[in-house]
Structure formats: structure tokens, C-alpha cells
């Protein structure tokens, strides 16, 4: 099963929880903004009883520090990821393809 979905909710709406579920099912790496986020996500997965690969940070992703046998990525807090890449210059819009069209 190759899951492709957009997870859009307010703060505390279960976005990270859903990312963990997808990462566990797909054996994919979660990409998150910081090491602190990676540790928090790892603890959440343990509490959920799910086995995930240790998340990689935005800087590790940009450098390509994730090995060559990667089966996929799940981005948690993608808005923060893009904001970090833009060096905190405001991002006014982001366009995405609908999940069915990501191929």
C-alpha cells in the first residue's frame, strides 16, 4: 500500500500521529524540522506501539544524509520545513498536487 495524502488540520489535530501511522505502514522516513522534533516523534511512536525509522531532520534531508535504500518520506510540519529553507522570509503560498496525482 503506497499511501499518499495531504494532512491538513489545526494545531493538535493529529497530523504527527497520522504521519507516524503512515511511516510505520510504509517503512518510510519522517522528515521533520529539528532534532528535538525527531526525538518527540520517536517518543510518540513508542507510545503508540508503532515501529518507525528514526526521523531525519530538514538539514539532513537537504544534505542527502539518509542512505540510499530509502523507500519513501513522510513530511511532518512541512510548512516549518519550507520556512526554514526560506530563512524565515514569509512564504505567501504553496501549491500542491492532489494526492491522486502525485505519481
N, C-alpha and C. Protein backbone atom coordinates (compact mmCIF):
# COMPACT_ATOMS: atom_id res chain seq x y z
N UNK A 1 0.85 -1.17 0.00
CA UNK A 1 0.00 0.00 0.00
C UNK A 1 0.90 1.23 0.00
N UNK A 2 0.78 2.05 -1.00
CA UNK A 2 1.53 3.30 -1.06
C UNK A 2 0.58 4.43 -0.71
N UNK A 3 0.68 4.91 0.51
CA UNK A 3 -0.20 5.96 0.99
C UNK A 3 0.25 7.31 0.45
N UNK A 4 -0.70 8.08 -0.04
CA UNK A 4 -0.42 9.44 -0.48
C UNK A 4 -1.58 10.29 -0.02
N UNK A 5 -1.31 11.17 0.89
CA UNK A 5 -2.39 12.03 1.37
C UNK A 5 -1.84 13.35 1.88
N UNK A 6 -2.69 14.34 1.88
CA UNK A 6 -2.39 15.63 2.50
C UNK A 6 -3.07 15.63 3.86
N UNK A 7 -2.33 15.99 4.87
CA UNK A 7 -2.86 16.03 6.23
C UNK A 7 -2.91 17.48 6.65
N UNK A 8 -4.10 18.04 6.68
CA UNK A 8 -4.25 19.46 6.99
C UNK A 8 -5.27 19.60 8.11
N UNK A 9 -4.80 19.98 9.28
CA UNK A 9 -5.68 20.27 10.42
C UNK A 9 -5.02 21.36 11.24
N UNK A 10 -5.72 21.84 12.22
CA UNK A 10 -5.15 22.82 13.13
C UNK A 10 -4.18 22.18 14.10
N UNK A 11 -3.56 23.01 14.90
CA UNK A 11 -2.63 22.54 15.93
C UNK A 11 -3.33 21.54 16.84
N UNK A 12 -2.66 20.42 17.09
CA UNK A 12 -3.23 19.39 17.96
C UNK A 12 -4.28 18.54 17.28
N UNK A 13 -4.36 18.60 15.96
CA UNK A 13 -5.38 17.86 15.22
C UNK A 13 -4.98 16.46 14.80
N UNK A 14 -3.81 16.00 15.19
CA UNK A 14 -3.40 14.63 14.88
C UNK A 14 -2.52 14.46 13.65
N UNK A 15 -1.93 15.55 13.17
CA UNK A 15 -1.09 15.47 11.97
C UNK A 15 0.12 14.56 12.19
N UNK A 16 0.83 14.78 13.28
CA UNK A 16 2.03 13.98 13.55
C UNK A 16 1.65 12.53 13.79
N UNK A 17 0.57 12.30 14.48
CA UNK A 17 0.09 10.94 14.74
C UNK A 17 -0.16 10.21 13.41
N UNK A 18 -0.81 10.89 12.48
CA UNK A 18 -1.09 10.29 11.18
C UNK A 18 0.21 10.06 10.40
N UNK A 19 1.16 11.00 10.49
CA UNK A 19 2.46 10.81 9.84
C UNK A 19 3.15 9.56 10.38
N UNK A 20 3.07 9.35 11.68
CA UNK A 20 3.68 8.16 12.29
C UNK A 20 3.01 6.90 11.77
N UNK A 21 1.69 6.89 11.69
CA UNK A 21 0.97 5.72 11.18
C UNK A 21 1.39 5.39 9.75
N UNK A 22 1.49 6.41 8.92
CA UNK A 22 1.89 6.20 7.52
C UNK A 22 3.34 5.72 7.45
N UNK A 23 4.24 6.36 8.20
CA UNK A 23 5.65 5.97 8.19
C UNK A 23 5.83 4.52 8.64
N UNK A 24 5.08 4.11 9.66
CA UNK A 24 5.18 2.73 10.14
C UNK A 24 4.68 1.76 9.08
N UNK A 25 3.56 2.08 8.44
CA UNK A 25 2.99 1.19 7.42
C UNK A 25 3.87 1.09 6.18
N UNK A 26 4.48 2.20 5.79
CA UNK A 26 5.25 2.26 4.55
C UNK A 26 6.75 2.04 4.75
N UNK A 27 7.18 1.94 6.01
CA UNK A 27 8.63 1.85 6.32
C UNK A 27 9.36 3.04 5.72
N UNK A 28 8.77 4.21 5.87
CA UNK A 28 9.32 5.45 5.31
C UNK A 28 9.91 6.30 6.42
N UNK A 29 10.84 7.16 6.05
CA UNK A 29 11.41 8.12 6.99
C UNK A 29 10.49 9.32 7.16
N UNK A 30 10.32 9.75 8.39
CA UNK A 30 9.65 11.01 8.64
C UNK A 30 10.72 12.10 8.58
N UNK A 31 10.43 13.16 7.84
CA UNK A 31 11.31 14.32 7.75
C UNK A 31 10.65 15.40 8.60
N UNK A 32 11.41 15.92 9.57
CA UNK A 32 10.87 16.93 10.47
C UNK A 32 11.88 18.07 10.61
N UNK A 33 11.44 19.22 11.10
CA UNK A 33 12.32 20.39 11.12
C UNK A 33 13.60 20.25 11.95
N UNK A 34 13.51 19.69 13.17
CA UNK A 34 14.67 19.71 14.07
C UNK A 34 14.88 18.36 14.76
N UNK A 35 16.05 18.23 15.38
CA UNK A 35 16.37 17.03 16.17
C UNK A 35 15.40 16.88 17.34
N UNK A 36 15.03 17.99 17.95
CA UNK A 36 14.05 17.95 19.05
C UNK A 36 12.73 17.36 18.56
N UNK A 37 12.31 17.74 17.36
CA UNK A 37 11.09 17.17 16.77
C UNK A 37 11.26 15.68 16.54
N UNK A 38 12.44 15.27 16.05
CA UNK A 38 12.70 13.85 15.79
C UNK A 38 12.58 13.02 17.07
N UNK A 39 13.11 13.54 18.17
CA UNK A 39 13.01 12.84 19.45
C UNK A 39 11.56 12.76 19.92
N UNK A 40 10.82 13.86 19.76
CA UNK A 40 9.40 13.89 20.16
C UNK A 40 8.59 12.88 19.34
N UNK A 41 8.85 12.82 18.05
CA UNK A 41 8.14 11.89 17.17
C UNK A 41 8.46 10.45 17.54
N UNK A 42 9.72 10.18 17.84
CA UNK A 42 10.13 8.83 18.24
C UNK A 42 9.40 8.41 19.52
N UNK A 43 9.32 9.32 20.48
CA UNK A 43 8.59 9.01 21.73
C UNK A 43 7.11 8.76 21.45
N UNK A 44 6.52 9.57 20.59
CA UNK A 44 5.11 9.38 20.24
C UNK A 44 4.88 8.01 19.61
N UNK A 45 5.75 7.62 18.69
CA UNK A 45 5.62 6.32 18.03
C UNK A 45 5.70 5.19 19.05
N UNK A 46 6.64 5.30 19.99
CA UNK A 46 6.77 4.29 21.03
C UNK A 46 5.49 4.21 21.86
N UNK A 47 4.93 5.36 22.22
CA UNK A 47 3.68 5.39 23.00
C UNK A 47 2.52 4.80 22.20
N UNK A 48 2.56 4.94 20.89
CA UNK A 48 1.52 4.38 20.03
C UNK A 48 1.75 2.90 19.75
N UNK A 49 2.90 2.39 20.15
CA UNK A 49 3.24 0.99 19.90
C UNK A 49 3.60 0.71 18.45
N UNK A 50 4.10 1.74 17.75
CA UNK A 50 4.47 1.59 16.35
C UNK A 50 5.97 1.70 16.18
N UNK A 51 6.49 0.91 15.26
CA UNK A 51 7.92 0.88 14.98
C UNK A 51 8.19 1.74 13.75
N UNK A 52 9.01 2.79 13.92
CA UNK A 52 9.38 3.66 12.80
C UNK A 52 10.89 3.80 12.74
N UNK A 53 11.37 4.18 11.59
CA UNK A 53 12.78 4.54 11.45
C UNK A 53 12.99 5.86 12.18
N UNK A 54 14.19 6.08 12.69
CA UNK A 54 14.43 7.35 13.40
C UNK A 54 14.29 8.50 12.41
N UNK A 55 13.44 9.48 12.72
CA UNK A 55 13.21 10.59 11.79
C UNK A 55 14.49 11.35 11.44
N UNK A 56 14.48 11.93 10.26
CA UNK A 56 15.61 12.75 9.85
C UNK A 56 15.19 14.21 9.87
N UNK A 57 16.15 15.06 10.10
CA UNK A 57 15.86 16.50 10.18
C UNK A 57 15.88 17.13 8.78
N UNK A 58 15.35 18.34 8.72
CA UNK A 58 15.34 19.08 7.46
C UNK A 58 16.75 19.23 6.90
N UNK A 59 17.71 19.55 7.76
CA UNK A 59 19.08 19.74 7.27
C UNK A 59 19.68 18.43 6.78
N UNK A 60 19.38 17.31 7.43
CA UNK A 60 19.85 16.01 6.96
C UNK A 60 19.22 15.68 5.60
N UNK A 61 17.95 15.99 5.45
CA UNK A 61 17.26 15.75 4.18
C UNK A 61 17.90 16.55 3.06
N UNK A 62 18.13 17.84 3.31
CA UNK A 62 18.72 18.71 2.29
C UNK A 62 20.11 18.23 1.89
N UNK A 63 20.90 17.76 2.86
CA UNK A 63 22.25 17.25 2.58
C UNK A 63 22.23 15.86 1.93
N UNK A 64 21.08 15.18 2.00
CA UNK A 64 21.00 13.81 1.48
C UNK A 64 21.55 12.78 2.43
N UNK A 65 21.59 13.11 3.75
CA UNK A 65 22.13 12.21 4.77
C UNK A 65 21.09 11.20 5.23
N UNK A 66 20.66 10.33 4.32
CA UNK A 66 19.64 9.35 4.70
C UNK A 66 19.87 7.99 4.07
N UNK A 67 21.01 7.78 3.49
CA UNK A 67 21.31 6.47 2.90
C UNK A 67 20.68 6.32 1.54
N UNK A 68 20.92 5.18 0.92
CA UNK A 68 20.43 5.01 -0.45
C UNK A 68 19.31 3.99 -0.57
N UNK A 69 18.95 3.34 0.51
CA UNK A 69 17.89 2.33 0.46
C UNK A 69 16.61 2.86 1.10
N UNK A 70 16.25 4.07 0.76
CA UNK A 70 15.07 4.72 1.32
C UNK A 70 13.87 4.34 0.47
N UNK A 71 12.78 3.96 1.15
CA UNK A 71 11.57 3.56 0.41
C UNK A 71 10.57 4.70 0.29
N UNK A 72 10.76 5.78 1.06
CA UNK A 72 9.85 6.91 0.97
C UNK A 72 10.02 7.87 2.13
N UNK A 73 9.35 9.00 2.00
CA UNK A 73 9.40 10.04 3.04
C UNK A 73 7.99 10.46 3.43
N UNK A 74 7.86 10.87 4.67
CA UNK A 74 6.64 11.48 5.19
C UNK A 74 7.09 12.79 5.83
N UNK A 75 6.57 13.91 5.36
CA UNK A 75 6.96 15.21 5.90
C UNK A 75 6.01 15.63 7.00
N UNK A 76 6.54 15.85 8.20
CA UNK A 76 5.76 16.39 9.31
C UNK A 76 6.12 17.86 9.46
N UNK A 77 5.14 18.69 9.62
CA UNK A 77 5.35 20.15 9.71
C UNK A 77 6.06 20.69 8.49
N UNK A 78 5.56 20.33 7.31
CA UNK A 78 6.18 20.77 6.06
C UNK A 78 6.24 22.28 5.96
N UNK A 79 5.26 22.97 6.53
CA UNK A 79 5.28 24.43 6.49
C UNK A 79 6.51 24.98 7.21
N UNK A 80 6.86 24.37 8.36
CA UNK A 80 8.07 24.79 9.08
C UNK A 80 9.33 24.46 8.28
N UNK A 81 9.32 23.32 7.60
CA UNK A 81 10.45 22.91 6.77
C UNK A 81 10.70 23.97 5.69
N UNK A 82 9.66 24.35 4.97
CA UNK A 82 9.82 25.36 3.92
C UNK A 82 10.22 26.71 4.50
N UNK A 83 9.68 27.05 5.66
CA UNK A 83 10.02 28.33 6.28
C UNK A 83 11.50 28.37 6.66
N UNK A 84 12.02 27.24 7.14
CA UNK A 84 13.45 27.17 7.46
C UNK A 84 14.30 27.33 6.20
N UNK A 85 13.87 26.70 5.11
CA UNK A 85 14.62 26.80 3.86
C UNK A 85 14.60 28.23 3.33
N UNK A 86 13.52 28.95 3.59
CA UNK A 86 13.39 30.34 3.13
C UNK A 86 14.04 31.33 4.09
N UNK A 87 14.71 30.79 5.11
CA UNK A 87 15.40 31.62 6.11
C UNK A 87 14.47 32.66 6.72
N UNK A 88 13.25 32.20 7.03
CA UNK A 88 12.23 32.99 7.72
C UNK A 88 11.70 34.18 6.93
N UNK A 89 11.97 34.23 5.63
CA UNK A 89 11.30 35.20 4.77
C UNK A 89 9.89 34.65 4.57
N UNK A 90 8.87 35.48 4.67
CA UNK A 90 7.49 34.97 4.58
C UNK A 90 7.22 34.21 3.28
N UNK A 91 6.54 33.08 3.41
CA UNK A 91 6.07 32.31 2.26
C UNK A 91 4.57 32.59 2.16
N UNK A 92 4.15 33.16 1.06
CA UNK A 92 2.76 33.58 0.92
C UNK A 92 1.85 32.50 0.36
N UNK A 93 2.41 31.51 -0.30
CA UNK A 93 1.58 30.44 -0.84
C UNK A 93 2.44 29.23 -1.17
N UNK A 94 1.83 28.07 -1.11
CA UNK A 94 2.46 26.82 -1.52
C UNK A 94 1.41 26.07 -2.32
N UNK A 95 1.77 25.59 -3.50
CA UNK A 95 0.82 24.79 -4.28
C UNK A 95 1.22 23.33 -4.20
N UNK A 96 0.23 22.47 -4.18
CA UNK A 96 0.45 21.03 -4.12
C UNK A 96 -0.48 20.35 -5.11
N UNK A 97 -0.04 19.25 -5.68
CA UNK A 97 -0.93 18.44 -6.49
C UNK A 97 -1.84 17.66 -5.58
N UNK A 98 -3.03 17.34 -6.04
CA UNK A 98 -3.92 16.49 -5.27
C UNK A 98 -3.26 15.14 -5.08
N UNK A 99 -3.51 14.45 -3.95
CA UNK A 99 -2.83 13.18 -3.67
C UNK A 99 -2.92 12.16 -4.79
N UNK A 100 -4.03 12.06 -5.48
CA UNK A 100 -4.17 11.08 -6.55
C UNK A 100 -3.24 11.36 -7.71
N UNK A 101 -2.72 12.58 -7.79
CA UNK A 101 -1.93 12.98 -8.95
C UNK A 101 -0.45 13.12 -8.62
N UNK A 102 0.01 12.58 -7.49
CA UNK A 102 1.42 12.73 -7.11
C UNK A 102 2.36 11.81 -7.88
N UNK A 103 1.83 10.89 -8.66
CA UNK A 103 2.70 10.00 -9.44
C UNK A 103 3.40 10.81 -10.45
